[in-house]
């Protein structure tokens, strides 16, 4: 799992029927930010890994460039601060 979060720019750990997970994914889609979604309903081992890594049981848990940023509220704050504009630009230019 550690390799995946360092290989992908954005990784969203989520569960089914999670409203904040849906909101986070929609926000990323609106901003045209590609992401990988990991469904925690499929693996209790992955869920335990995530809890060990973040100290949090809540979802979504979102990693950007290998670092956990938190959940939907933190993602939304990044968007409101305009931090995605630089992120999208760096994705396009490779920097």
C-alpha atoms as a PDB file:
ATOM      1  CA  UNK A   1       0.000   0.000   0.000  1.00  0.00           C
ATOM      2  CA  UNK A   2       2.835   2.398   0.780  1.00  0.00           C
ATOM      3  CA  UNK A   3       4.133   2.046  -2.777  1.00  0.00           C
ATOM      4  CA  UNK A   4       0.735   2.967  -4.202  1.00  0.00           C
ATOM      5  CA  UNK A   5       0.360   6.160  -2.205  1.00  0.00           C
ATOM      6  CA  UNK A   6       3.798   7.261  -3.376  1.00  0.00           C
ATOM      7  CA  UNK A   7       3.220   6.304  -7.028  1.00  0.00           C
ATOM      8  CA  UNK A   8      -0.105   8.101  -7.449  1.00  0.00           C
ATOM      9  CA  UNK A   9      -0.598  11.853  -7.036  1.00  0.00           C
ATOM     10  CA  UNK A  10      -3.951  11.420  -5.247  1.00  0.00           C
ATOM     11  CA  UNK A  11      -5.289   8.341  -3.441  1.00  0.00           C
ATOM     12  CA  UNK A  12      -8.711   8.309  -1.776  1.00  0.00           C
ATOM     13  CA  UNK A  13      -9.482   5.620   0.791  1.00  0.00           C
ATOM     14  CA  UNK A  14     -13.247   5.292   1.075  1.00  0.00           C
ATOM     15  CA  UNK A  15     -16.158   3.041   1.966  1.00  0.00           C
ATOM     16  CA  UNK A  16     -19.539   2.442   0.370  1.00  0.00           C
ATOM     17  CA  UNK A  17     -22.388   4.616   1.574  1.00  0.00           C
ATOM     18  CA  UNK A  18     -20.075   7.360   2.821  1.00  0.00           C
ATOM     19  CA  UNK A  19     -21.409  10.811   1.965  1.00  0.00           C
ATOM     20  CA  UNK A  20     -18.106  12.575   2.574  1.00  0.00           C
ATOM     21  CA  UNK A  21     -16.356  10.045   0.325  1.00  0.00           C
ATOM     22  CA  UNK A  22     -18.798  10.835  -2.471  1.00  0.00           C
ATOM     23  CA  UNK A  23     -18.266  14.567  -1.958  1.00  0.00           C
ATOM     24  CA  UNK A  24     -14.482  14.202  -2.025  1.00  0.00           C
ATOM     25  CA  UNK A  25     -14.538  12.200  -5.256  1.00  0.00           C
ATOM     26  CA  UNK A  26     -16.931  14.679  -6.891  1.00  0.00           C
ATOM     27  CA  UNK A  27     -14.723  17.588  -5.887  1.00  0.00           C
ATOM     28  CA  UNK A  28     -11.676  15.929  -7.409  1.00  0.00           C
ATOM     29  CA  UNK A  29     -13.624  15.149 -10.578  1.00  0.00           C
ATOM     30  CA  UNK A  30     -14.874  18.770 -10.859  1.00  0.00           C
ATOM     31  CA  UNK A  31     -11.277  19.964 -10.536  1.00  0.00           C
ATOM     32  CA  UNK A  32     -10.148  17.407 -13.166  1.00  0.00           C
ATOM     33  CA  UNK A  33      -7.746  15.829 -10.700  1.00  0.00           C
ATOM     34  CA  UNK A  34      -7.138  12.148 -11.417  1.00  0.00           C
ATOM     35  CA  UNK A  35      -7.212   9.887  -8.380  1.00  0.00           C
ATOM     36  CA  UNK A  36      -7.124   6.255  -7.356  1.00  0.00           C
ATOM     37  CA  UNK A  37      -9.860   5.034  -5.042  1.00  0.00           C
ATOM     38  CA  UNK A  38      -9.270   2.264  -2.517  1.00  0.00           C
ATOM     39  CA  UNK A  39     -12.510   0.693  -1.246  1.00  0.00           C
ATOM     40  CA  UNK A  40     -11.957  -0.280   2.384  1.00  0.00           C
ATOM     41  CA  UNK A  41     -15.017  -2.545   2.387  1.00  0.00           C
ATOM     42  CA  UNK A  42     -12.981  -5.096   0.479  1.00  0.00           C
ATOM     43  CA  UNK A  43     -10.102  -5.556   2.909  1.00  0.00           C
ATOM     44  CA  UNK A  44      -9.899  -5.355   6.676  1.00  0.00           C
ATOM     45  CA  UNK A  45      -6.098  -5.567   6.328  1.00  0.00           C
ATOM     46  CA  UNK A  46      -6.049  -2.400   4.232  1.00  0.00           C
ATOM     47  CA  UNK A  47      -8.331  -0.686   6.730  1.00  0.00           C
ATOM     48  CA  UNK A  48      -5.969  -1.627   9.572  1.00  0.00           C
ATOM     49  CA  UNK A  49      -2.965  -0.408   7.563  1.00  0.00           C
ATOM     50  CA  UNK A  50      -4.716   2.936   7.058  1.00  0.00           C
ATOM     51  CA  UNK A  51      -5.540   3.288  10.759  1.00  0.00           C
ATOM     52  CA  UNK A  52      -1.922   2.508  11.636  1.00  0.00           C
ATOM     53  CA  UNK A  53      -0.678   5.038   9.067  1.00  0.00           C
ATOM     54  CA  UNK A  54      -3.065   7.902   9.868  1.00  0.00           C
ATOM     55  CA  UNK A  55      -4.347   7.165  13.363  1.00  0.00           C
ATOM     56  CA  UNK A  56      -7.868   7.715  12.010  1.00  0.00           C
ATOM     57  CA  UNK A  57     -10.843   5.370  11.541  1.00  0.00           C
ATOM     58  CA  UNK A  58     -12.842   7.931   9.593  1.00  0.00           C
ATOM     59  CA  UNK A  59     -13.170   8.087   5.831  1.00  0.00           C
ATOM     60  CA  UNK A  60     -12.336   9.390   3.428  1.00  0.00           C
ATOM     61  CA  UNK A  61      -8.634   9.548   4.069  1.00  0.00           C
ATOM     62  CA  UNK A  62      -6.897  11.320   1.225  1.00  0.00           C
ATOM     63  CA  UNK A  63      -3.229  11.201   0.299  1.00  0.00           C
ATOM     64  CA  UNK A  64      -1.676  13.816  -1.977  1.00  0.00           C
ATOM     65  CA  UNK A  65       1.854  13.223  -3.223  1.00  0.00           C
ATOM     66  CA  UNK A  66       2.353  10.489  -0.643  1.00  0.00           C
ATOM     67  CA  UNK A  67       1.242  12.561   2.348  1.00  0.00           C
ATOM     68  CA  UNK A  68      -2.085  12.248   4.136  1.00  0.00           C
ATOM     69  CA  UNK A  69      -4.005  15.526   4.010  1.00  0.00           C
ATOM     70  CA  UNK A  70      -7.012  14.284   5.990  1.00  0.00           C
ATOM     71  CA  UNK A  71     -10.590  13.966   4.811  1.00  0.00           C
ATOM     72  CA  UNK A  72     -13.169  15.843   2.796  1.00  0.00           C
ATOM     73  CA  UNK A  73     -13.009  19.043   4.816  1.00  0.00           C
ATOM     74  CA  UNK A  74      -9.256  19.334   4.364  1.00  0.00           C
ATOM     75  CA  UNK A  75      -9.632  18.601   0.653  1.00  0.00           C
ATOM     76  CA  UNK A  76     -12.315  21.261   0.352  1.00  0.00           C
ATOM     77  CA  UNK A  77     -10.082  23.762   2.168  1.00  0.00           C
ATOM     78  CA  UNK A  78      -7.297  23.058  -0.325  1.00  0.00           C
ATOM     79  CA  UNK A  79      -9.717  23.784  -3.168  1.00  0.00           C
ATOM     80  CA  UNK A  80     -10.959  27.011  -1.567  1.00  0.00           C
ATOM     81  CA  UNK A  81      -7.380  28.197  -1.038  1.00  0.00           C
ATOM     82  CA  UNK A  82      -6.666  27.688  -4.740  1.00  0.00           C
ATOM     83  CA  UNK A  83      -4.067  25.017  -4.033  1.00  0.00           C
ATOM     84  CA  UNK A  84      -5.497  22.791  -6.763  1.00  0.00           C
ATOM     85  CA  UNK A  85      -4.677  25.327  -9.453  1.00  0.00           C
ATOM     86  CA  UNK A  86      -0.963  24.774  -8.824  1.00  0.00           C
ATOM     87  CA  UNK A  87      -1.557  21.041  -8.448  1.00  0.00           C
ATOM     88  CA  UNK A  88      -3.308  20.748 -11.820  1.00  0.00           C
ATOM     89  CA  UNK A  89      -0.636  22.849 -13.505  1.00  0.00           C
ATOM     90  CA  UNK A  90       2.160  20.708 -12.046  1.00  0.00           C
ATOM     91  CA  UNK A  91       0.334  17.560 -13.199  1.00  0.00           C
ATOM     92  CA  UNK A  92       0.214  18.866 -16.741  1.00  0.00           C
ATOM     93  CA  UNK A  93       3.813  20.070 -16.860  1.00  0.00           C
ATOM     94  CA  UNK A  94       5.220  17.160 -14.853  1.00  0.00           C
ATOM     95  CA  UNK A  95       6.640  19.404 -12.092  1.00  0.00           C
END
